[in-house]
Amino acid sequence: MAKTGAELAAESLADLTERVYGLCGGHIQPIWDAVADTDASIIDTRDERAAVHGAHADAEVTGDLGVALVTAGPGFTNALTGIANASTFGTPLLIVTGYPPVPQFDRGALQSIPHRDMSEAVTVTDRTVYEADRVREYLFEAAAAALDERGPAVVEIPTDVLRATATRVRDRQVPTGPTDPAAPEDAIAGAADALRDADRPVAVLGRGSRDAAAEIRAFVESTAVPVLTTAGSKGVVPESNDYCVPGARGDAMGEADCYLLLGKRLDFTLGYGSPAVYGDATFVQVDVDADALRRNRTPDVAVRGTVPSVVSALTDRLDGPLGVPGWAEGLQTTHEDRAARLTERKTADDTPIHPYRVCGAIERAIDDDAIVICDGGDALSFGRVAIPTANPRGYLDPGPLGCLGVGLPFAIGASLAQRETDVVCFTGDGSLGFNLADLETAVRQEADVTIVVANNAAWNIERYDQLENYDREVGSELGHVAFDEVAAGLGADGVSVSDPAALDETVERAVETDGPVVVDVPVDTEAVSPDAANGLARVPEYQPLDAWDDAEREYRQG
C-alpha cells in the first residue's frame, strides 16, 4: 500500500521513540495527524521551547533519543533555544520541522525563514527532504548522527513532500545507539602509569560518566581515589560514598597533582584547565569525543574511548590504593566537616526561610532514585550544592548555556519518561515564569511532578551583583506572584508555606501527592548564594569566578 511522506515520517518517529514532544501547526499537520495512528504518544505543549526541553529531559533520564516535532517559522525559532541548550549538553535529539511547499520557495511564503542557516551552528546535522521516497532514510540518518555525535539533529520537510505519495521507499535499519571507539591499550597503560605515579590523584566526573556508575564505584573502592562530581554527574558516585568529597572541592582542586577526567570537558567549570589554576599538575582525560580531548589544555594522557570500558581496564591494571597515605582521608574529613555545617543550615528554622532550608526539606522528602531538577540563578546555586541524589541520571539543571526556564518542561519530560520515579523541581520564581503556562501541560499529560519555588520576587543573583558592583538595583526586582494560586488556576494543586516548622511536612505531602503540585515558599531575599559570592554573575574577564580570575591575571603578568 502506497504511503505519504507524512505517514512514513510518523512511522519512523514511532520506531525511534515512545513519545513525540511538540506543538501542532499547519506546516506539520500531516505528520501530526499521522503520528496519532502510531504507537507513539504525542506530548503536546504550549510552547515549542517547552517541547524541545521536554524531549531533552526525556533523553537525559532514559539515555535514549529524544524527539520533538515543531512547525515552521516562529515554531522553529521558539524551538531554537532548546536546540542550542541540548547542543551544549551533548544530548541526542531529533527535531523534525515543517517548511513551506517547494513551489513557494523564495517567494515570501507564510512562516518562511531559513531554519538551517540559524541552527547549523548548534546541530550535528541539518537536512531538508525533497522527496517523499527518502523521508525514512533522512530521519534515520539524522537520528544516527544525533546518537553518534551526541547532539541535536534537525530535519525539515516541506509540506507538499509530506502530502506526496512515496513510490520507491529506501528503507533503513532503525539506529539503536552510538558506535563508539575502543580505547588503545597504550593509552590505557599511560593513564594507569600517570595515576600510579601521582601523590594526590583526584577523579572529576562529567556527563560522559553517567553510564559508568558501577565501574567508577568499583574503581574508587579499589584505588581510594577521591571523587568530585559535577552538575552533569551527580549521583554517579553518591555523597554517601566515603570517596565522594564535594565538600572538599576547593582543597582537592588546589592540592591535587593528577586529575583523572572521566567524560568531563575542560570548560569554564574547571577553569579551562589553565596553569594559573592547576600549575603543572598532570591531566588524564577520558572521553569518546575527540574534540573534548583537544580543547583548552592538551592532556598529558588522552584516552579516547567509553568511560565504562576505560575505567574497568584501569581498575584491572591498578592494584590497591593510590596516592600518599592520608590524602583521601584528609579530604574526607574536610568534606564531612563542611557537610555537617551545611546540614545545620538545611535544618535551621530561621524566618524568613533560607533557600538551604528549602533544599533540606526536599532532600528529606525524596528517595535515593528521585530525579531532581534545579533551575534559576540563586535557586540553582543553592540546590546544586545542597540537594543530593544517588541516581546517575537523576539530576538536571540549565547546563553550560545557563538556560533558565528549563525546570518545569524538564520535569514534565522526566516524569513522562520515568513514571515510577519521583520528580522534584527546585526553581526560582523568575525561572518558573519562562514556561509557567506549561503547568497546564503537566496537568493534561498527568505528569507527577513537584515544583518547589524559592520565591524572593527578584532576579536575585543579578540583584546582588548590581548592589555589589553598581551600587543600585535596576530591573532586578519582580512583583510578588502567588504561585500556589496560579497553579490552581492552571488546574494543578498549589500550596504556600512561610512557616519553617511546616515546611518539611508540606514538601513531603506534595511529593506523595499524584499529579503536579506547586509549593510556593517565600524565601530570604538577602540570602547570598555560592555563585553570587564567587562573582559568577559579574562575568570576570578571564575566568568565571573571581578567585580564578585573580590567579589568571597574576599568571599572565608573569
Protein backbone atom coordinates (compact mmCIF):
# COMPACT_ATOMS: atom_id res chain seq x y z
CA MET A 1 0.00 0.00 0.00
CA ALA A 2 1.41 3.37 -1.01
CA LYS A 3 2.12 5.80 1.80
CA THR A 4 2.56 9.53 2.03
CA GLY A 5 5.69 11.27 3.23
CA ALA A 6 3.82 12.15 6.42
CA GLU A 7 2.85 8.54 7.08
CA LEU A 8 6.43 7.41 6.56
CA ALA A 9 7.66 10.18 8.86
CA ALA A 10 5.19 9.26 11.59
CA GLU A 11 6.06 5.57 11.40
CA SER A 12 9.76 6.45 11.54
CA LEU A 13 9.31 8.59 14.63
CA ALA A 14 7.36 5.80 16.31
CA ASP A 15 10.24 3.43 15.53
CA LEU A 16 12.63 5.86 17.23
CA THR A 17 10.71 6.84 20.37
CA GLU A 18 7.66 6.23 22.52
CA ARG A 19 6.98 9.95 22.98
CA VAL A 20 6.97 12.79 20.46
CA TYR A 21 7.02 16.26 22.06
CA GLY A 22 5.63 19.15 20.09
CA LEU A 23 3.02 21.73 19.29
CA CYS A 24 0.63 21.47 16.35
CA GLY A 25 0.85 23.78 13.34
CA GLY A 26 -0.19 23.90 9.71
CA HIS A 27 3.19 23.06 8.23
CA ILE A 28 3.45 19.81 10.23
CA GLN A 29 -0.23 18.89 10.42
CA PRO A 30 0.11 15.91 8.02
CA ILE A 31 2.73 14.30 10.32
CA TRP A 32 0.94 15.35 13.49
CA ASP A 33 -2.22 13.59 12.33
CA ALA A 34 -0.31 10.51 11.18
CA VAL A 35 1.56 10.13 14.48
CA ALA A 36 -1.84 9.71 16.16
CA ASP A 37 -2.19 6.42 14.23
CA THR A 38 1.08 5.01 15.59
CA ASP A 39 2.07 3.60 18.97
CA ALA A 40 3.93 6.82 19.85
CA SER A 41 2.30 9.29 22.23
CA ILE A 42 2.06 12.97 21.32
CA ILE A 43 3.13 15.16 24.25
CA ASP A 44 1.68 18.50 23.22
CA THR A 45 2.97 21.59 24.98
CA ARG A 46 2.04 25.26 24.92
CA ASP A 47 5.36 26.49 23.52
CA GLU A 48 7.94 24.89 21.27
CA ARG A 49 10.68 25.72 23.78
CA ALA A 50 8.93 23.51 26.29
CA ALA A 51 8.55 20.76 23.68
CA VAL A 52 12.28 20.62 22.97
CA HIS A 53 13.16 20.97 26.66
CA GLY A 54 10.78 18.09 27.42
CA ALA A 55 12.33 15.88 24.74
CA HIS A 56 15.76 16.86 26.09
CA ALA A 57 14.90 15.72 29.62
CA ASP A 58 13.37 12.53 28.26
CA ALA A 59 16.66 11.72 26.53
CA GLU A 60 18.68 12.63 29.62
CA VAL A 61 16.87 10.36 32.07
CA THR A 62 16.47 7.41 29.67
CA GLY A 63 19.77 7.62 27.79
CA ASP A 64 17.83 7.28 24.53
CA LEU A 65 17.00 9.62 21.65
CA GLY A 66 14.61 12.50 22.36
CA VAL A 67 12.22 13.58 19.60
CA ALA A 68 10.41 16.88 19.04
CA LEU A 69 8.06 17.92 16.25
CA VAL A 70 7.65 21.68 15.66
CA THR A 71 6.07 23.79 12.99
CA ALA A 72 7.81 26.21 10.64
CA GLY A 73 8.84 29.84 11.18
CA PRO A 74 8.17 31.03 14.73
CA GLY A 75 7.60 27.44 15.83
CA PHE A 76 11.16 26.67 14.84
CA THR A 77 12.63 29.89 16.24
CA ASN A 78 10.87 29.17 19.55
CA ALA A 79 12.45 25.72 19.50
CA LEU A 80 15.91 27.08 18.73
CA THR A 81 16.70 27.92 22.35
CA GLY A 82 16.03 24.34 23.37
CA ILE A 83 18.10 23.06 20.44
CA ALA A 84 21.03 25.27 21.43
CA ASN A 85 20.77 24.16 25.05
CA ALA A 86 20.76 20.49 24.08
CA SER A 87 23.84 21.14 21.98
CA THR A 88 25.82 22.37 24.99
CA PHE A 89 24.72 19.26 26.92
CA GLY A 90 25.62 16.87 24.10
CA THR A 91 22.11 15.42 24.22
CA PRO A 92 20.91 13.29 21.29
CA LEU A 93 17.75 14.92 19.95
CA LEU A 94 15.89 14.68 16.65
CA ILE A 95 13.91 17.80 15.80
CA VAL A 96 11.54 17.50 12.87
CA THR A 97 10.06 20.69 11.45
CA GLY A 98 7.82 21.62 8.57
CA TYR A 99 8.58 24.08 5.82
CA PRO A 100 6.55 25.88 3.12
CA PRO A 101 5.83 23.81 -0.02
CA VAL A 102 8.66 23.68 -2.56
CA PRO A 103 6.71 25.66 -5.24
CA GLN A 104 6.63 28.57 -2.74
CA PHE A 105 10.38 28.59 -2.02
CA ASP A 106 11.99 32.05 -2.20
CA ARG A 107 8.67 33.80 -2.78
CA GLY A 108 8.00 35.18 0.69
CA ALA A 109 5.75 32.33 1.82
CA LEU A 110 3.95 32.27 5.15
CA GLN A 111 6.32 31.36 8.00
CA SER A 112 9.24 31.07 5.57
CA ILE A 113 12.57 31.64 7.29
CA PRO A 114 15.94 29.91 6.77
CA HIS A 115 15.80 27.34 9.57
CA ARG A 116 19.02 25.60 8.68
CA ASP A 117 21.04 28.81 8.42
CA MET A 118 20.07 29.57 12.01
CA SER A 119 20.54 26.13 13.53
CA GLU A 120 23.60 24.71 11.80
CA ALA A 121 25.96 26.15 14.43
CA VAL A 122 24.27 24.16 17.21
CA THR A 123 23.37 20.88 15.50
CA VAL A 124 25.26 17.80 14.37
CA THR A 125 23.37 17.74 11.08
CA ASP A 126 20.66 19.76 9.29
CA ARG A 127 18.83 18.22 6.34
CA THR A 128 15.93 19.09 4.04
CA VAL A 129 13.88 16.29 2.48
CA TYR A 130 12.76 16.96 -1.09
CA GLU A 131 11.26 13.55 -1.95
CA ALA A 132 8.69 11.51 -0.06
CA ASP A 133 10.62 8.36 -1.01
CA ARG A 134 13.55 9.47 1.14
CA VAL A 135 11.76 10.63 4.30
CA ARG A 136 12.55 7.49 6.28
CA GLU A 137 16.16 7.48 5.07
CA TYR A 138 16.76 11.09 6.12
CA LEU A 139 15.14 10.69 9.53
CA PHE A 140 17.10 7.58 10.41
CA GLU A 141 20.38 9.09 9.22
CA ALA A 142 19.75 12.19 11.32
CA ALA A 143 18.84 10.08 14.36
CA ALA A 144 22.03 8.05 13.95
CA ALA A 145 24.06 11.27 13.74
CA ALA A 146 22.41 12.60 16.92
CA LEU A 147 23.27 9.40 18.78
CA ASP A 148 26.80 9.02 17.39
CA GLU A 149 27.84 12.65 17.70
CA ARG A 150 25.78 13.38 20.82
CA GLY A 151 23.81 16.44 19.87
CA PRO A 152 20.62 17.68 18.23
CA ALA A 153 19.84 16.95 14.58
CA VAL A 154 17.27 18.86 12.50
CA VAL A 155 15.25 17.53 9.57
CA GLU A 156 12.87 19.90 7.79
CA ILE A 157 10.24 18.57 5.43
CA PRO A 158 8.23 20.86 3.12
CA THR A 159 4.50 20.36 3.49
CA ASP A 160 4.00 19.24 -0.12
CA VAL A 161 6.60 16.50 0.44
CA LEU A 162 4.61 15.36 3.46
CA ARG A 163 1.45 15.13 1.35
CA ALA A 164 3.17 13.45 -1.62
CA THR A 165 2.88 9.70 -2.15
CA ALA A 166 6.09 7.71 -1.96
CA THR A 167 6.76 5.28 -4.80
CA ARG A 168 10.17 3.68 -4.17
CA VAL A 169 10.99 3.86 -0.45
CA ARG A 170 14.60 3.20 0.52
CA ASP A 171 14.27 1.54 3.90
CA ARG A 172 16.95 1.79 6.55
CA GLN A 173 17.66 -0.04 9.77
CA VAL A 174 16.48 1.78 12.91
CA PRO A 175 19.53 3.28 14.67
CA THR A 176 19.89 1.87 18.15
CA GLY A 177 22.81 3.74 19.70
CA PRO A 178 26.23 5.28 19.25
CA THR A 179 29.13 3.43 17.67
CA ASP A 180 31.97 4.41 19.99
CA PRO A 181 35.69 3.83 19.51
CA ALA A 182 37.66 1.34 21.60
CA ALA A 183 40.46 2.92 23.62
CA PRO A 184 44.02 1.99 22.56
CA GLU A 185 45.85 -0.24 25.03
CA ASP A 186 48.89 2.03 25.12
CA ALA A 187 46.72 4.99 26.13
CA ILE A 188 45.15 2.99 28.97
CA ALA A 189 48.61 1.90 30.07
CA GLY A 190 49.77 5.52 30.06
CA ALA A 191 46.79 6.57 32.15
CA ALA A 192 47.49 3.83 34.68
CA ASP A 193 51.15 4.87 34.91
CA ALA A 194 50.23 8.52 35.49
CA LEU A 195 47.82 7.60 38.28
CA ARG A 196 50.30 5.22 39.84
CA ASP A 197 52.97 7.94 39.90
CA ALA A 198 50.69 10.56 41.49
CA ASP A 199 50.84 11.54 45.15
CA ARG A 200 47.46 13.25 45.24
CA PRO A 201 45.19 11.97 42.45
CA VAL A 202 41.56 13.02 42.13
CA ALA A 203 38.85 11.91 39.71
CA VAL A 204 36.50 14.52 38.25
CA LEU A 205 33.33 13.12 36.72
CA GLY A 206 31.40 14.70 33.86
CA ARG A 207 28.29 13.90 31.86
CA GLY A 208 30.10 11.16 29.97
CA SER A 209 30.40 9.14 33.17
CA ARG A 210 26.70 8.64 33.84
CA ASP A 211 26.53 5.16 32.32
CA ALA A 212 29.66 4.07 34.18
CA ALA A 213 28.38 4.28 37.76
CA ALA A 214 29.10 0.65 38.65
CA GLU A 215 32.56 0.74 37.08
CA ILE A 216 33.54 4.04 38.72
CA ARG A 217 32.30 2.97 42.14
CA ALA A 218 34.37 -0.22 41.84
CA PHE A 219 37.38 1.83 40.73
CA VAL A 220 37.28 4.22 43.69
CA GLU A 221 36.73 1.43 46.20
CA SER A 222 39.77 -0.37 44.76
CA THR A 223 42.09 2.61 44.34
CA ALA A 224 40.86 5.01 47.08
CA VAL A 225 40.98 7.88 44.58
CA PRO A 226 38.79 10.77 45.82
CA VAL A 227 35.94 11.76 43.52
CA LEU A 228 34.42 15.13 42.63
CA THR A 229 31.13 15.05 40.78
CA THR A 230 29.86 17.93 38.67
CA ALA A 231 26.41 19.07 37.62
CA GLY A 232 26.46 16.52 34.81
CA SER A 233 27.41 13.60 37.04
CA LYS A 234 25.67 14.00 40.41
CA GLY A 235 24.74 10.56 41.68
CA VAL A 236 27.30 8.58 39.68
CA VAL A 237 29.13 8.22 42.97
CA PRO A 238 26.66 9.24 45.70
CA GLU A 239 27.68 11.54 48.52
CA SER A 240 27.15 8.66 50.94
CA ASN A 241 30.25 7.04 49.43
CA ASP A 242 33.35 7.73 51.52
CA TYR A 243 35.36 8.73 48.46
CA CYS A 244 32.87 11.29 47.12
CA VAL A 245 34.07 14.57 48.65
CA PRO A 246 32.23 17.56 47.12
CA GLY A 247 32.58 19.47 50.39
CA ALA A 248 36.35 19.39 49.93
CA ARG A 249 36.26 20.59 46.31
CA GLY A 250 38.43 23.63 46.96
CA ASP A 251 41.10 21.62 48.77
CA ALA A 252 41.10 18.86 46.18
CA MET A 253 41.28 21.26 43.23
CA GLY A 254 44.04 23.27 44.85
CA GLU A 255 46.24 20.40 46.03
CA ALA A 256 45.84 17.50 43.58
CA ASP A 257 48.81 16.67 41.37
CA CYS A 258 46.91 14.40 38.95
CA TYR A 259 43.39 14.91 37.60
CA LEU A 260 41.53 11.97 36.08
CA LEU A 261 38.76 13.50 33.96
CA LEU A 262 36.06 10.95 33.15
CA GLY A 263 33.70 12.22 30.47
CA LYS A 264 34.37 15.77 31.65
CA ARG A 265 35.41 18.65 29.40
CA LEU A 266 37.91 21.28 30.49
CA ASP A 267 35.34 24.03 30.20
CA PHE A 268 34.59 27.06 32.37
CA THR A 269 33.57 24.86 35.31
CA LEU A 270 37.18 23.66 35.55
CA GLY A 271 38.84 26.99 34.81
CA TYR A 272 39.59 25.80 31.26
CA GLY A 273 42.42 23.71 32.72
CA SER A 274 44.55 26.85 32.99
CA PRO A 275 48.04 26.58 34.55
CA ALA A 276 47.04 29.60 36.61
CA VAL A 277 44.59 27.35 38.42
CA TYR A 278 46.31 23.96 38.24
CA GLY A 279 50.01 24.70 37.84
CA ASP A 280 51.94 21.75 36.43
CA ALA A 281 49.51 19.05 37.57
CA THR A 282 49.10 16.01 35.32
CA PHE A 283 45.84 15.64 33.38
CA VAL A 284 44.50 12.26 32.29
CA GLN A 285 41.37 12.74 30.21
CA VAL A 286 38.97 10.01 29.09
CA ASP A 287 36.26 10.81 26.55
CA VAL A 288 34.61 9.36 23.45
CA ASP A 289 34.58 12.80 21.87
CA ALA A 290 37.87 13.68 20.16
CA ASP A 291 37.00 17.39 20.32
CA ALA A 292 36.81 17.22 24.12
CA LEU A 293 40.37 15.89 24.24
CA ARG A 294 41.88 18.88 22.47
CA ARG A 295 40.02 21.83 23.98
CA ASN A 296 41.78 24.44 26.17
CA ARG A 297 44.54 22.24 27.57
CA THR A 298 46.21 19.25 25.95
CA PRO A 299 46.01 16.40 28.46
CA ASP A 300 49.21 14.63 29.43
CA VAL A 301 47.41 11.39 28.65
CA ALA A 302 44.42 11.41 26.30
CA VAL A 303 42.29 8.27 26.17
CA ARG A 304 39.60 8.20 23.52
CA GLY A 305 37.07 5.56 24.46
CA THR A 306 33.96 4.93 26.52
CA VAL A 307 34.23 5.69 30.21
CA PRO A 308 32.88 2.30 31.41
CA SER A 309 35.40 0.29 29.36
CA VAL A 310 38.37 2.51 30.21
CA VAL A 311 37.61 2.65 33.93
CA SER A 312 37.23 -1.14 34.06
CA ALA A 313 40.59 -1.52 32.32
CA LEU A 314 42.21 0.90 34.76
CA THR A 315 40.80 -0.98 37.75
CA ASP A 316 42.30 -4.18 36.40
CA ARG A 317 45.70 -2.55 35.92
CA LEU A 318 45.86 -0.71 39.25
CA ASP A 319 46.22 -2.91 42.28
CA GLY A 320 45.39 -1.30 45.60
CA PRO A 321 45.13 2.26 46.91
CA LEU A 322 46.80 5.14 45.06
CA GLY A 323 48.31 8.34 46.38
CA VAL A 324 50.22 9.13 49.52
CA PRO A 325 48.82 7.99 52.88
CA GLY A 326 46.34 10.45 54.32
CA TRP A 327 45.43 12.16 51.02
CA ALA A 328 41.95 10.68 50.65
CA GLU A 329 41.34 10.64 54.40
CA GLY A 330 42.14 14.34 54.71
CA LEU A 331 39.66 15.24 52.01
CA GLN A 332 37.04 13.02 53.61
CA THR A 333 37.45 14.83 56.93
CA THR A 334 37.16 18.24 55.26
CA HIS A 335 34.10 17.11 53.34
CA GLU A 336 32.41 15.75 56.45
CA ASP A 337 33.06 18.96 58.39
CA ARG A 338 31.61 21.15 55.66
CA ALA A 339 28.71 18.77 55.07
CA ALA A 340 27.87 19.00 58.77
CA ARG A 341 27.83 22.80 58.61
CA LEU A 342 25.62 22.66 55.53
CA THR A 343 23.27 20.27 57.31
CA GLU A 344 22.88 22.83 60.09
CA ARG A 345 21.79 25.39 57.52
CA LYS A 346 19.40 22.90 55.92
CA THR A 347 17.66 22.35 59.26
CA ALA A 348 17.68 25.88 60.72
CA ASP A 349 14.20 27.26 61.31
CA ASP A 350 15.01 30.91 60.67
CA THR A 351 12.44 33.28 59.22
CA PRO A 352 12.25 34.32 56.51
CA ILE A 353 13.11 30.86 55.26
CA HIS A 354 16.62 30.41 53.86
CA PRO A 355 16.86 28.63 50.47
CA TYR A 356 19.13 26.00 52.04
CA ARG A 357 16.28 25.17 54.42
CA VAL A 358 14.05 24.52 51.40
CA CYS A 359 16.73 22.25 49.93
CA GLY A 360 16.81 20.32 53.18
CA ALA A 361 13.06 19.78 53.07
CA ILE A 362 13.35 18.42 49.53
CA GLU A 363 16.22 16.12 50.48
CA ARG A 364 14.23 14.64 53.34
CA ALA A 365 11.15 14.10 51.17
CA ILE A 366 12.73 12.14 48.29
CA ASP A 367 14.19 8.68 47.79
CA ASP A 368 17.68 7.94 46.52
CA ASP A 369 16.44 7.25 42.99
CA ALA A 370 14.48 10.50 42.66
CA ILE A 371 15.07 12.87 39.77
CA VAL A 372 15.99 16.37 40.94
CA ILE A 373 15.89 19.40 38.66
CA CYS A 374 17.28 22.77 39.72
CA ASP A 375 16.52 25.91 37.75
CA GLY A 376 17.36 29.57 38.13
CA GLY A 377 20.26 31.70 39.25
CA ASP A 378 20.26 31.67 43.04
CA ALA A 379 17.95 28.66 43.33
CA LEU A 380 20.24 26.60 41.10
CA SER A 381 23.31 27.67 43.06
CA PHE A 382 21.78 26.61 46.38
CA GLY A 383 20.18 23.44 45.04
CA ARG A 384 23.20 22.13 43.17
CA VAL A 385 25.17 22.18 46.43
CA ALA A 386 22.51 21.10 48.89
CA ILE A 387 20.22 18.52 47.24
CA PRO A 388 21.99 15.16 46.81
CA THR A 389 20.93 12.29 44.57
CA ALA A 390 22.15 8.72 44.17
CA ASN A 391 20.60 8.33 40.70
CA PRO A 392 23.30 8.67 37.97
CA ARG A 393 20.67 10.13 35.64
CA GLY A 394 18.79 11.83 38.41
CA TYR A 395 19.92 15.45 38.22
CA LEU A 396 19.32 18.17 35.62
CA ASP A 397 19.82 21.94 35.57
CA PRO A 398 20.16 24.74 32.97
CA GLY A 399 23.57 23.39 31.97
CA PRO A 400 26.55 25.14 30.38
CA LEU A 401 24.31 27.53 28.45
CA GLY A 402 22.75 28.74 31.69
CA CYS A 403 19.36 28.32 30.03
CA LEU A 404 16.91 29.50 32.65
CA GLY A 405 13.32 28.31 32.35
CA VAL A 406 14.06 24.64 31.69
CA GLY A 407 12.88 23.46 35.11
CA LEU A 408 9.18 22.86 34.51
CA PRO A 409 9.46 21.33 31.00
CA PHE A 410 12.44 19.25 32.12
CA ALA A 411 10.32 17.97 34.99
CA ILE A 412 7.46 17.10 32.65
CA GLY A 413 9.71 15.20 30.24
CA ALA A 414 11.49 13.38 33.07
CA SER A 415 8.23 12.36 34.70
CA LEU A 416 6.66 11.07 31.49
CA ALA A 417 9.79 9.07 30.69
CA GLN A 418 10.15 7.64 34.22
CA ARG A 419 6.64 7.47 35.60
CA GLU A 420 7.56 5.35 38.63
CA THR A 421 10.17 7.85 39.83
CA ASP A 422 9.61 10.93 41.98
CA VAL A 423 10.47 14.13 40.08
CA VAL A 424 11.08 17.33 42.04
CA CYS A 425 11.97 20.68 40.51
CA PHE A 426 13.54 23.33 42.76
CA THR A 427 13.25 26.63 40.94
CA GLY A 428 13.35 30.36 41.38
CA ASP A 429 10.28 32.47 40.78
CA GLY A 430 11.87 34.23 37.82
CA SER A 431 12.85 30.99 36.08
CA LEU A 432 9.46 29.40 36.59
CA GLY A 433 7.86 32.31 34.75
CA PHE A 434 9.51 31.37 31.44
CA ASN A 435 7.30 28.34 30.80
CA LEU A 436 4.71 28.73 33.52
CA ALA A 437 1.76 28.08 31.18
CA ASP A 438 3.05 24.56 30.65
CA LEU A 439 1.97 23.72 34.17
CA GLU A 440 -1.34 23.08 32.42
CA THR A 441 0.55 20.70 30.13
CA ALA A 442 1.72 18.81 33.21
CA VAL A 443 -1.89 18.55 34.36
CA ARG A 444 -3.14 17.42 30.95
CA GLN A 445 -0.35 14.88 30.47
CA GLU A 446 -0.73 13.61 34.05
CA ALA A 447 2.92 14.28 34.86
CA ASP A 448 3.63 13.52 38.50
CA VAL A 449 5.89 16.47 39.33
CA THR A 450 6.51 18.57 42.42
CA ILE A 451 7.56 22.17 41.76
CA VAL A 452 9.09 23.89 44.79
CA VAL A 453 9.51 27.64 44.21
CA ALA A 454 12.06 29.70 46.15
CA ASN A 455 10.08 32.91 45.81
CA ASN A 456 12.10 36.05 46.50
CA ALA A 457 10.36 38.29 43.95
CA ALA A 458 13.67 39.10 42.27
CA TRP A 459 16.34 38.08 39.82
CA ASN A 460 18.36 37.77 42.97
CA ILE A 461 21.79 36.76 41.70
CA GLU A 462 21.76 39.80 39.39
CA ARG A 463 20.33 41.96 42.15
CA TYR A 464 23.26 41.02 44.39
CA ASP A 465 25.74 41.76 41.60
CA GLN A 466 24.13 45.14 40.96
CA LEU A 467 24.29 46.16 44.61
CA GLU A 468 27.90 44.97 44.99
CA ASN A 469 29.30 46.40 41.78
CA TYR A 470 26.92 49.15 40.61
CA ASP A 471 25.53 50.45 43.93
CA ARG A 472 21.93 50.26 42.81
CA GLU A 473 19.23 47.90 41.60
CA VAL A 474 17.98 48.19 38.02
CA GLY A 475 15.26 45.91 36.71
CA SER A 476 16.14 43.04 39.03
CA GLU A 477 13.17 43.25 41.39
CA LEU A 478 9.95 41.48 40.44
CA GLY A 479 6.40 41.74 41.67
CA HIS A 480 5.18 39.09 44.07
CA VAL A 481 3.43 36.20 42.36
CA ALA A 482 1.29 33.80 44.38
CA PHE A 483 2.34 30.66 42.54
CA ASP A 484 0.02 28.47 44.58
CA GLU A 485 -2.92 30.47 43.25
CA VAL A 486 -1.53 30.41 39.71
CA ALA A 487 -1.21 26.64 39.99
CA ALA A 488 -4.84 26.33 40.99
CA GLY A 489 -5.84 28.46 38.01
CA LEU A 490 -3.97 26.12 35.68
CA GLY A 491 -5.57 23.02 37.17
CA ALA A 492 -2.75 21.90 39.48
CA ASP A 493 -2.56 21.69 43.24
CA GLY A 494 -0.89 24.63 44.95
CA VAL A 495 0.17 25.44 48.47
CA SER A 496 2.13 28.27 50.07
CA VAL A 497 4.23 27.81 53.19
CA SER A 498 6.12 30.51 55.07
CA ASP A 499 6.48 28.76 58.45
CA PRO A 500 9.72 26.70 58.52
CA ALA A 501 8.15 24.38 61.08
CA ALA A 502 5.56 23.34 58.47
CA LEU A 503 7.95 23.16 55.52
CA ASP A 504 9.07 19.51 55.72
CA GLU A 505 5.55 18.16 56.08
CA THR A 506 4.29 20.36 53.24
CA VAL A 507 7.01 19.29 50.79
CA GLU A 508 6.69 15.63 51.77
CA ARG A 509 2.94 15.71 51.23
CA ALA A 510 3.43 17.39 47.84
CA VAL A 511 5.87 14.69 46.71
CA GLU A 512 3.46 11.96 47.82
CA THR A 513 0.51 13.57 46.00
CA ASP A 514 -0.20 12.26 42.49
CA GLY A 515 -0.08 14.83 39.72
CA PRO A 516 1.56 18.25 39.57
CA VAL A 517 1.86 20.20 42.82
CA VAL A 518 3.39 23.65 43.28
CA VAL A 519 4.83 24.57 46.67
CA ASP A 520 5.36 28.34 46.91
CA VAL A 521 7.95 29.23 49.57
CA PRO A 522 8.73 32.90 50.25
CA VAL A 523 12.48 32.94 50.98
CA ASP A 524 15.01 35.35 52.39
CA THR A 525 15.92 37.86 49.69
CA GLU A 526 19.16 38.69 51.50
CA ALA A 527 20.47 35.11 51.32
CA VAL A 528 23.65 35.14 49.21
CA SER A 529 24.14 32.09 47.02
CA PRO A 530 27.55 30.47 46.42
CA ASP A 531 27.63 31.58 42.79
CA ALA A 532 26.75 35.15 43.75
CA ALA A 533 29.50 35.21 46.36
CA ASN A 534 32.02 33.77 43.87
CA GLY A 535 31.32 36.50 41.34
CA LEU A 536 29.73 34.35 38.63
CA ALA A 537 27.12 36.98 37.78
CA ARG A 538 29.82 39.63 37.40
CA VAL A 539 31.30 37.73 34.43
CA PRO A 540 35.03 38.34 35.12
CA GLU A 541 37.34 38.87 32.16
CA TYR A 542 39.48 35.73 32.06
CA GLN A 543 37.80 33.15 34.30
CA PRO A 544 34.23 32.55 35.50
CA LEU A 545 35.00 33.03 39.21
CA ASP A 546 36.75 35.92 40.95
CA ALA A 547 39.42 33.77 42.64
CA TRP A 548 40.35 32.06 39.39
CA ASP A 549 40.28 35.36 37.53
CA ASP A 550 42.71 36.87 40.05
CA ALA A 551 45.00 33.86 39.65
CA GLU A 552 44.83 34.12 35.88
CA ARG A 553 45.75 37.80 35.95
CA GLU A 554 48.73 37.11 38.19
CA TYR A 555 49.85 34.22 35.97
CA ARG A 556 49.63 36.32 32.80
CA GLN A 557 51.67 39.08 34.37
CA GLY A 558 54.47 36.59 34.95
